[in-house]
Protein backbone atom coordinates (compact mmCIF):
# COMPACT_ATOMS: atom_id res chain seq x y z
CA MET A 1 8.55 37.35 6.30
CA ARG A 2 7.26 33.77 6.76
CA LYS A 3 6.74 34.10 10.67
CA ALA A 4 5.05 37.48 9.91
CA LEU A 5 2.35 35.78 7.54
CA LEU A 6 1.67 33.05 9.98
CA PHE A 7 1.41 35.49 12.92
CA VAL A 8 -1.20 37.47 10.60
CA MET A 9 -3.14 34.40 9.92
CA LEU A 10 -3.28 33.39 13.64
CA LEU A 11 -4.49 36.95 14.55
CA MET A 12 -7.25 36.74 11.71
CA ILE A 13 -8.24 33.54 13.04
CA ALA A 14 -8.52 34.77 16.70
CA GLY A 15 -10.33 37.71 15.33
CA LEU A 16 -12.91 35.55 13.74
CA ALA A 17 -13.13 33.26 16.61
CA SER A 18 -13.81 36.17 19.07
CA THR A 19 -16.77 37.18 17.01
CA PRO A 20 -20.00 36.11 18.48
CA VAL A 21 -21.77 33.27 16.64
CA ALA A 22 -25.22 31.72 16.99
CA LEU A 23 -24.73 28.05 17.94
CA ALA A 24 -27.23 25.45 17.14
CA ASP A 25 -29.58 23.98 19.65
CA ASP A 26 -29.54 20.60 20.98
CA SER A 27 -32.75 19.86 19.18
CA GLY A 28 -31.29 18.94 15.76
CA ASP A 29 -29.40 16.11 14.21
CA ASN A 30 -25.99 17.29 15.74
CA ILE A 31 -23.99 14.04 15.11
CA ARG A 32 -24.05 12.27 11.75
CA ALA A 33 -21.88 9.25 10.81
CA SER A 34 -21.27 7.72 7.52
CA ALA A 35 -18.57 5.23 6.23
CA GLN A 36 -16.92 4.00 3.10
CA ILE A 37 -15.30 0.78 2.51
CA ARG A 38 -13.06 0.22 -0.64
CA ALA A 39 -11.37 -2.83 -1.76
CA ARG A 40 -9.23 -3.10 -4.95
CA MET A 41 -7.39 -5.80 -6.55
CA GLU A 42 -4.61 -5.02 -8.94
CA GLY A 43 -2.59 -6.96 -11.48
CA VAL A 44 0.83 -5.38 -12.29
CA ASP A 45 3.28 -5.98 -15.16
CA LYS A 46 5.32 -2.90 -15.33
CA ASP A 47 8.79 -4.35 -16.06
CA PHE A 48 8.82 -3.86 -19.70
CA ASP A 49 10.23 -7.62 -19.69
CA ALA A 50 7.86 -10.13 -21.16
CA ASP A 51 9.62 -12.88 -19.17
CA ILE A 52 8.61 -11.30 -15.67
CA LYS A 53 5.11 -12.36 -15.13
CA MET A 54 2.26 -10.31 -13.83
CA TYR A 55 1.79 -10.33 -9.99
CA THR A 56 -1.37 -9.34 -8.19
CA PHE A 57 -2.29 -7.91 -4.58
CA ALA A 58 -5.37 -6.55 -2.99
CA ILE A 59 -5.69 -3.45 -0.76
CA LEU A 60 -8.52 -2.17 1.27
CA ARG A 61 -9.46 1.29 2.53
CA THR A 62 -11.82 1.83 5.29
CA ARG A 63 -13.05 5.26 6.33
CA LEU A 64 -15.55 6.41 9.16
CA ASN A 65 -16.78 9.90 9.01
CA ILE A 66 -18.25 11.96 11.94
CA ASP A 67 -20.04 15.11 11.35
CA LEU A 68 -20.37 17.35 14.47
CA TYR A 69 -23.22 19.93 14.38
CA PRO A 70 -23.22 20.07 10.49
CA ASP A 71 -25.96 22.66 10.32
CA SER A 72 -24.20 24.95 12.93
CA PRO A 73 -21.87 28.01 12.41
CA VAL A 74 -19.39 26.03 14.36
CA LYS A 75 -19.14 22.57 12.99
CA GLY A 76 -16.55 19.91 12.95
CA PHE A 77 -15.45 16.76 11.17
CA ILE A 78 -13.57 13.75 12.13
CA GLN A 79 -12.49 11.01 9.64
CA ILE A 80 -10.84 7.85 10.91
CA GLN A 81 -9.25 5.77 8.31
CA ASP A 82 -7.64 2.36 7.96
CA SER A 83 -5.38 1.57 5.06
CA ARG A 84 -3.83 -1.72 4.36
CA GLN A 85 -2.76 -4.30 1.80
CA MET A 86 -4.89 -7.50 2.51
CA GLY A 87 -2.73 -10.28 3.73
CA ASP A 88 0.09 -8.09 4.81
CA PRO A 89 3.25 -10.30 5.12
CA ASP A 90 4.15 -8.37 8.37
CA LEU A 91 0.84 -9.15 9.95
CA GLU A 92 -0.75 -12.31 8.38
CA SER A 93 -4.34 -12.57 8.07
CA GLY A 94 -5.89 -14.63 10.90
CA GLY A 95 -3.30 -13.88 13.56
CA THR A 96 -3.93 -12.02 16.75
CA ASP A 97 -1.53 -9.20 16.70
CA ASN A 98 -2.55 -5.50 17.06
CA ASP A 99 -1.51 -4.06 13.83
CA MET A 100 -2.08 -0.47 15.00
CA ASN A 101 -3.03 0.55 11.57
CA VAL A 102 -5.95 2.96 12.20
CA GLY A 103 -5.04 6.53 12.02
CA LEU A 104 -6.83 10.17 11.70
CA HIS A 105 -7.23 11.14 8.17
CA GLN A 106 -9.01 14.29 8.80
CA ALA A 107 -10.13 16.32 11.92
CA PHE A 108 -11.05 19.89 11.96
CA MET A 109 -13.22 22.77 12.96
CA LEU A 110 -15.09 25.21 10.55
CA VAL A 111 -16.20 28.29 12.03
CA LYS A 112 -18.55 30.89 10.40
CA CYS A 113 -18.32 34.61 11.48
CA LYS A 114 -21.68 36.11 12.31
CA LYS A 115 -20.61 39.92 12.28
CA ILE A 116 -18.64 39.35 8.76
CA ASP A 117 -21.14 37.86 6.37
CA GLY A 118 -19.45 35.08 4.38
CA ALA A 119 -16.24 34.83 6.51
CA TYR A 120 -14.95 31.60 7.90
CA PHE A 121 -11.98 29.48 8.98
CA LYS A 122 -11.05 26.08 9.16
CA ILE A 123 -8.19 24.72 11.25
CA GLY A 124 -6.83 21.15 11.79
CA ARG A 125 -6.08 18.27 9.40
CA PHE A 126 -8.17 18.26 6.18
CA GLU A 127 -8.03 17.44 2.45
CA TYR A 128 -7.60 20.53 0.21
CA TYR A 129 -8.10 20.64 -3.58
CA LYS A 130 -8.99 23.06 -6.00
CA GLY A 131 -9.83 23.31 -9.85
CA ASP A 132 -9.74 19.88 -11.52
CA HIS A 133 -6.97 18.90 -8.94
CA ARG A 134 -4.07 19.50 -11.49
CA ILE A 135 -2.47 21.83 -9.03
CA LEU A 136 -3.52 20.77 -5.65
CA GLY A 137 -5.43 17.48 -5.46
CA ASN A 138 -6.66 14.96 -2.63
CA VAL A 139 -5.38 12.02 -4.63
CA GLY A 140 -8.70 9.85 -4.13
CA TRP A 141 -7.46 7.07 -6.09
CA SER A 142 -4.59 6.44 -3.39
CA ASN A 143 -5.06 3.98 -0.71
CA VAL A 144 -4.53 6.65 1.75
CA GLY A 145 -5.10 10.15 0.16
CA ARG A 146 -3.40 13.46 0.79
CA THR A 147 -4.27 15.61 3.89
CA TRP A 148 -2.84 18.94 5.27
CA ASP A 149 -1.98 20.06 8.72
CA GLY A 150 -2.85 23.87 8.84
CA ALA A 151 -5.48 26.53 8.40
CA VAL A 152 -7.68 28.35 5.81
CA ILE A 153 -9.21 31.75 6.03
CA GLY A 154 -11.84 32.30 3.57
CA LEU A 155 -14.68 34.85 2.42
CA LYS A 156 -17.60 33.65 0.30
CA LYS A 157 -19.93 36.60 -1.13
CA ASP A 158 -22.11 36.36 -4.17
CA ASN A 159 -20.04 34.84 -6.97
CA PHE A 160 -16.67 35.54 -5.09
CA ARG A 161 -14.82 33.05 -3.12
CA GLY A 162 -11.16 33.77 -1.71
CA GLU A 163 -9.00 31.63 0.69
CA ILE A 164 -5.60 32.25 2.37
CA ILE A 165 -4.06 28.91 3.02
CA GLY A 166 -1.25 28.07 5.54
CA PHE A 167 -0.16 24.50 5.79
CA VAL A 168 2.95 22.99 7.73
CA MET A 169 4.35 20.23 5.83
CA ASN A 170 7.29 19.32 8.17
CA GLU A 171 7.83 20.96 11.61
CA ARG A 172 11.55 19.79 11.81
CA ASN A 173 12.62 21.98 14.83
CA PRO A 174 10.45 24.71 16.52
CA VAL A 175 13.52 26.23 18.15
CA VAL A 176 15.49 27.04 14.89
CA SER A 177 12.36 27.17 12.71
CA ASP A 178 13.59 25.31 9.78
CA ASP A 179 10.26 23.85 8.91
CA VAL A 180 8.59 23.31 5.43
CA LEU A 181 5.64 25.31 4.68
CA LEU A 182 3.17 25.81 1.84
CA LEU A 183 1.60 29.30 1.93
CA GLY A 184 -0.80 31.05 -0.57
CA GLY A 185 -4.31 32.04 -1.81
CA TYR A 186 -7.07 31.00 -4.09
CA PHE A 187 -9.36 33.48 -5.62
CA GLU A 188 -12.57 32.14 -7.34
CA ILE A 189 -15.23 33.83 -9.34
CA THR A 190 -18.11 31.53 -10.16
CA ASP A 191 -19.83 33.27 -13.03
CA PRO A 192 -17.76 32.61 -15.25
CA SER A 193 -16.08 30.04 -13.41
CA ILE A 194 -12.34 30.98 -13.01
CA GLU A 195 -9.74 30.77 -10.51
CA PHE A 196 -6.59 32.71 -9.82
CA PHE A 197 -3.86 31.36 -7.37
CA ILE A 198 -0.60 32.10 -5.78
CA LEU A 199 1.28 29.33 -3.84
CA TRP A 200 4.59 29.78 -1.85
CA ASP A 201 6.73 26.47 -1.13
CA ARG A 202 9.35 27.26 1.32
CA ASP A 203 11.93 24.82 2.83
CA ASN A 204 13.51 26.92 5.75
CA ALA A 205 16.49 24.55 6.03
CA LYS A 206 19.24 27.21 5.58
CA ASP A 207 22.77 27.30 5.01
CA ILE A 208 25.63 29.33 6.51
CA ASN A 209 24.35 32.44 4.68
CA ASP A 210 20.89 32.09 6.01
CA ASN A 211 19.64 31.05 2.55
CA PRO A 212 16.62 28.61 2.62
CA GLU A 213 16.70 25.42 0.66
CA LEU A 214 13.72 26.13 -1.43
CA ASN A 215 11.92 29.35 -2.06
CA ARG A 216 9.39 28.64 -4.98
CA PHE A 217 6.32 30.34 -6.04
CA THR A 218 3.71 29.15 -8.48
CA ILE A 219 1.24 31.55 -9.84
CA GLY A 220 -1.76 30.57 -12.18
CA VAL A 221 -5.17 30.34 -13.46
CA PHE A 222 -7.91 27.65 -13.86
CA ARG A 223 -10.76 27.96 -15.91
CA HIS A 224 -13.78 25.63 -16.75
CA GLY A 225 -16.54 26.42 -19.05
CA GLU A 226 -19.36 25.19 -21.20
CA PHE A 227 -21.06 26.32 -24.25
CA GLN A 228 -23.80 24.63 -25.77
CA GLN A 229 -22.51 20.85 -26.18
CA PHE A 230 -18.94 21.94 -25.86
CA ASP A 231 -16.93 22.02 -22.69
CA TYR A 232 -13.26 23.12 -21.95
CA THR A 233 -10.96 23.04 -19.03
CA THR A 234 -7.49 24.71 -18.87
CA ASN A 235 -4.66 25.40 -16.39
CA LEU A 236 -1.75 27.78 -16.71
CA ALA A 237 1.00 28.25 -14.11
CA TYR A 238 4.23 29.81 -13.94
CA GLN A 239 6.80 29.11 -11.45
CA PHE A 240 9.70 31.09 -10.27
CA GLY A 241 12.14 31.54 -7.28
CA ASP A 242 15.19 29.83 -6.05
CA MET A 243 16.50 26.50 -4.60
CA ASN A 244 19.46 24.63 -3.37
CA HIS A 245 20.13 27.66 -0.88
CA ASP A 246 19.75 30.45 -3.74
CA VAL A 247 22.31 28.64 -5.84
CA MET A 248 19.85 27.61 -8.70
CA ASP A 249 16.96 29.97 -10.31
CA ILE A 250 13.71 28.63 -11.04
CA SER A 251 11.74 29.36 -14.21
CA ALA A 252 9.24 26.79 -15.56
CA TYR A 253 5.77 26.51 -16.73
CA LEU A 254 2.57 24.32 -17.17
CA ALA A 255 -0.25 24.44 -19.72
CA THR A 256 -2.95 22.22 -20.10
CA LEU A 257 -6.17 22.31 -22.14
CA GLU A 258 -8.89 19.71 -22.70
CA VAL A 259 -11.90 20.37 -25.04
CA GLY A 260 -14.82 17.85 -25.27
CA TYR A 261 -17.98 17.61 -27.04
CA THR A 262 -21.16 15.81 -25.71
CA PHE A 263 -23.57 14.28 -28.38
CA ASP A 264 -27.27 14.97 -27.78
CA THR A 265 -28.42 11.50 -27.91
CA GLU A 266 -30.54 9.15 -25.79
CA LYS A 267 -27.18 7.24 -24.71
CA PRO A 268 -24.75 10.12 -24.01
CA LEU A 269 -21.19 10.02 -25.66
CA ARG A 270 -18.61 12.40 -24.88
CA LEU A 271 -15.33 12.79 -27.07
CA ALA A 272 -12.43 15.07 -26.05
CA ALA A 273 -8.82 15.87 -26.83
CA GLY A 274 -6.21 17.97 -25.37
CA ALA A 275 -2.61 18.45 -24.22
CA ASP A 276 -0.89 18.61 -20.68
CA ILE A 277 2.48 20.31 -21.20
CA ALA A 278 4.85 20.60 -18.22
CA SER A 279 8.13 22.22 -19.18
CA GLY A 280 11.55 20.66 -18.97
CA ASP A 281 15.36 21.64 -18.54
CA ASP A 282 17.39 21.22 -21.49
CA ASP A 283 20.54 21.44 -19.42
CA LEU A 284 20.63 19.82 -16.22
CA THR A 285 23.96 20.81 -15.42
CA ASP A 286 23.73 24.66 -15.23
CA ASP A 287 22.29 26.83 -12.25
CA LYS A 288 18.84 27.22 -14.13
CA VAL A 289 15.76 25.03 -13.24
CA GLY A 290 13.30 24.82 -16.17
CA THR A 291 11.62 21.71 -14.92
CA TYR A 292 8.03 22.41 -13.62
CA ASN A 293 7.28 20.68 -10.24
CA ASN A 294 3.86 19.37 -10.34
CA LEU A 295 3.35 20.15 -6.53
CA TYR A 296 0.54 18.30 -4.98
CA TYR A 297 -1.84 17.33 -7.80
CA THR A 298 -3.88 13.96 -8.37
CA GLY A 299 -1.43 12.73 -10.95
CA HIS A 300 -3.32 9.33 -11.64
CA LYS A 301 -6.33 11.45 -13.06
CA PHE A 302 -4.01 13.13 -15.85
CA ARG A 303 -0.85 11.25 -16.70
CA GLY A 304 -2.18 7.84 -17.67
CA HIS A 305 -3.43 5.23 -15.20
CA MET A 306 -0.31 3.08 -15.15
CA ASP A 307 1.37 6.12 -13.26
CA PHE A 308 4.72 5.77 -15.08
CA PHE A 309 5.08 9.66 -15.05
CA VAL A 310 3.30 10.66 -11.67
CA SER A 311 5.96 11.48 -9.02
CA PRO A 312 8.93 13.82 -9.55
CA GLY A 313 11.84 11.59 -10.42
CA GLY A 314 9.51 8.74 -10.88
CA PHE A 315 11.22 8.09 -14.26
CA ASP A 316 14.79 8.42 -15.45
CA LEU A 317 13.94 11.32 -17.61
CA SER A 318 11.74 13.41 -15.37
CA GLY A 319 14.06 16.44 -15.39
CA TYR A 320 13.36 16.96 -19.04
CA GLY A 321 9.56 17.69 -18.40
CA LEU A 322 6.59 15.91 -19.88
CA ASN A 323 4.28 16.50 -22.93
CA ASP A 324 0.96 14.49 -22.90
CA ILE A 325 -1.22 14.64 -25.88
CA PHE A 326 -4.40 12.73 -25.31
CA VAL A 327 -7.90 11.67 -26.56
CA LYS A 328 -10.83 10.56 -24.48
CA ALA A 329 -14.07 8.87 -25.00
CA LYS A 330 -16.91 8.16 -22.58
CA PHE A 331 -20.11 6.24 -23.44
CA GLN A 332 -23.19 5.71 -21.30
CA PRO A 333 -25.38 3.03 -22.77
CA LYS A 334 -27.27 2.91 -19.28
CA LYS A 335 -27.61 5.51 -16.64
CA GLU A 336 -25.89 3.56 -14.09
CA LEU A 337 -22.98 2.33 -16.43
CA GLY A 338 -20.00 4.31 -17.89
CA LEU A 339 -17.37 3.03 -20.37
CA ASN A 340 -14.34 5.02 -20.85
CA GLY A 341 -11.31 5.09 -23.14
CA HIS A 342 -8.21 7.22 -22.94
CA PHE A 343 -5.15 7.34 -25.25
CA HIS A 344 -1.89 9.01 -24.34
CA LEU A 345 1.12 10.04 -26.53
CA PHE A 346 3.89 10.80 -24.24
CA GLN A 347 7.05 12.74 -25.09
CA THR A 348 9.71 14.83 -22.88
CA ASN A 349 9.40 18.44 -23.11
CA ALA A 350 13.08 18.91 -23.73
CA LYS A 351 15.35 16.66 -25.79
CA TYR A 352 17.28 13.85 -24.60
CA LEU A 353 19.84 11.47 -26.08
CA SER A 354 18.32 8.23 -27.70
CA ARG A 355 19.46 4.80 -26.41
CA VAL A 356 19.31 3.67 -29.97
CA ASN A 357 21.45 5.90 -32.07
CA GLY A 358 22.41 8.83 -29.68
CA ASP A 359 20.29 11.49 -31.70
CA GLU A 360 18.41 14.12 -29.63
CA VAL A 361 14.73 12.91 -29.44
CA LYS A 362 11.53 13.38 -27.33
CA SER A 363 9.59 10.24 -27.86
CA LEU A 364 8.64 7.99 -24.74
CA GLY A 365 5.69 5.93 -25.82
CA SER A 366 1.91 5.69 -25.85
CA GLU A 367 -0.79 4.30 -23.32
CA VAL A 368 -4.29 3.02 -23.51
CA ASP A 369 -6.58 3.10 -20.57
CA LEU A 370 -10.09 1.14 -20.67
CA PHE A 371 -12.18 1.23 -17.67
CA ALA A 372 -15.88 0.84 -16.81
CA THR A 373 -17.94 2.01 -13.83
CA CYS A 374 -21.13 0.50 -12.72
CA GLN A 375 -23.41 2.00 -10.09
CA VAL A 376 -25.03 -1.43 -9.07
CA TYR A 377 -26.99 0.07 -6.03
CA ASP A 378 -27.34 3.63 -4.67
CA ARG A 379 -24.42 2.90 -2.30
CA PHE A 380 -22.66 0.32 -4.09
CA LYS A 381 -20.04 0.71 -7.09
CA VAL A 382 -18.05 -1.52 -9.07
CA GLN A 383 -15.14 -0.41 -11.43
CA VAL A 384 -12.86 -2.49 -13.57
CA GLY A 385 -10.24 -1.50 -15.83
CA GLY A 386 -6.97 -2.26 -17.72
CA SER A 387 -4.10 -0.35 -19.39
CA ALA A 388 -1.26 -0.94 -21.76
CA PHE A 389 1.94 1.12 -22.20
CA PHE A 390 3.97 0.75 -25.42
CA PRO A 391 7.26 2.25 -24.87
CA SER A 392 9.62 3.79 -27.41
CA GLU A 393 12.82 2.29 -28.51
CA ASP A 394 14.67 5.68 -27.94
CA TRP A 395 13.54 5.63 -24.24
CA LEU A 396 13.94 2.15 -23.19
CA GLY A 397 15.80 0.53 -25.89
CA LYS A 398 15.16 -2.07 -28.78
CA ASN A 399 14.44 -5.00 -26.41
CA ALA A 400 11.80 -3.15 -24.27
CA ASP A 401 8.40 -4.87 -24.25
CA PRO A 402 4.97 -3.45 -23.74
CA SER A 403 3.69 -3.44 -19.90
CA TYR A 404 0.27 -4.12 -18.67
CA TRP A 405 -1.87 -3.38 -15.72
CA MET A 406 -5.41 -4.35 -14.63
CA TYR A 407 -7.99 -3.52 -11.45
CA PHE A 408 -11.19 -4.53 -9.99
CA GLN A 409 -12.48 -2.19 -7.50
CA THR A 410 -15.55 -2.15 -5.27
CA THR A 411 -16.93 0.80 -3.15
CA ALA A 412 -19.55 0.72 -0.55
CA GLU A 413 -20.99 3.96 1.22
CA PHE A 414 -22.95 3.89 4.40
């Protein structure tokens, strides 16, 4: 079935590509270049031990963007990226070694179909994100970012947009076809704004019975809306399928909701509250998987800026899922200045055994994130922030200390 789907996608792309298109002439601005340079310094104290001092480091990300025939039905985009730790210990600053650190972050063609109004396809390497990045995100905070190798076939007409995606995550061995794929579709209605999606993760590393390592489906909906001074955003997703060569059955869910209110004042103030609930497994020893897999989201945006709970297996109780109850505030004393504060109360979704008394508990701790953004010039932005995490005794014991993190970031656009 997997090969059939990929074959169908290739046929559809070939059909669209063979349809005549009107190319731009040579009189326009057919090549456009832009760039971004971003530098960030971080101070990290995430050990929950006051005797271990904070350490600092600086990272740099440079991107060169080239748009090819951007106003044409056949356009291209190339993005060259260099991502590094400043003063990398393997390549000391001031040396003469060639670090070979520059790479291709994105390179794709986007072709519109002349005969089928609104139809298009994209193929190559590119960022792909949807909704509020809670399901699929580009992880912009990262010094590298997430890109995909594959293709998208789309149709956009009036207030509807649909896309079929096919991404190759790991082409292990073309001969035996044990690659790792992400396939699926997104279907969006713009008025009202709502997205429906289905994603299929498949790891084709098979056992002697021809059962794949992973066969997981995620179906769901994303909705964002505004009513007068209120706004709301929600994600609902359900996962099912099997893993470990059909040994374990998957049944897990995600539910998020954020509701905000913006005061109609000269200096805007927005207050918001919500919850992000990812199901957990109350029995990690059976053949059922109840832990929601966060797939390919932008975790830093949602689960606290200190990133304790972002990656699967990132903390010792990740199999129990995560409940995040949060409140947010954003104040703009000036148009170019934004002041933000977030508070998170973290719990596991399923109960675990306390390190203090062995009782079944859920508490993990709380986090405070404070950050400010200043648009100094049209093409230059400064961001500064700091966070503190206060762990629960049930999770880390009575001797755990709070942890801290801070950063200073500058971004220039050219």
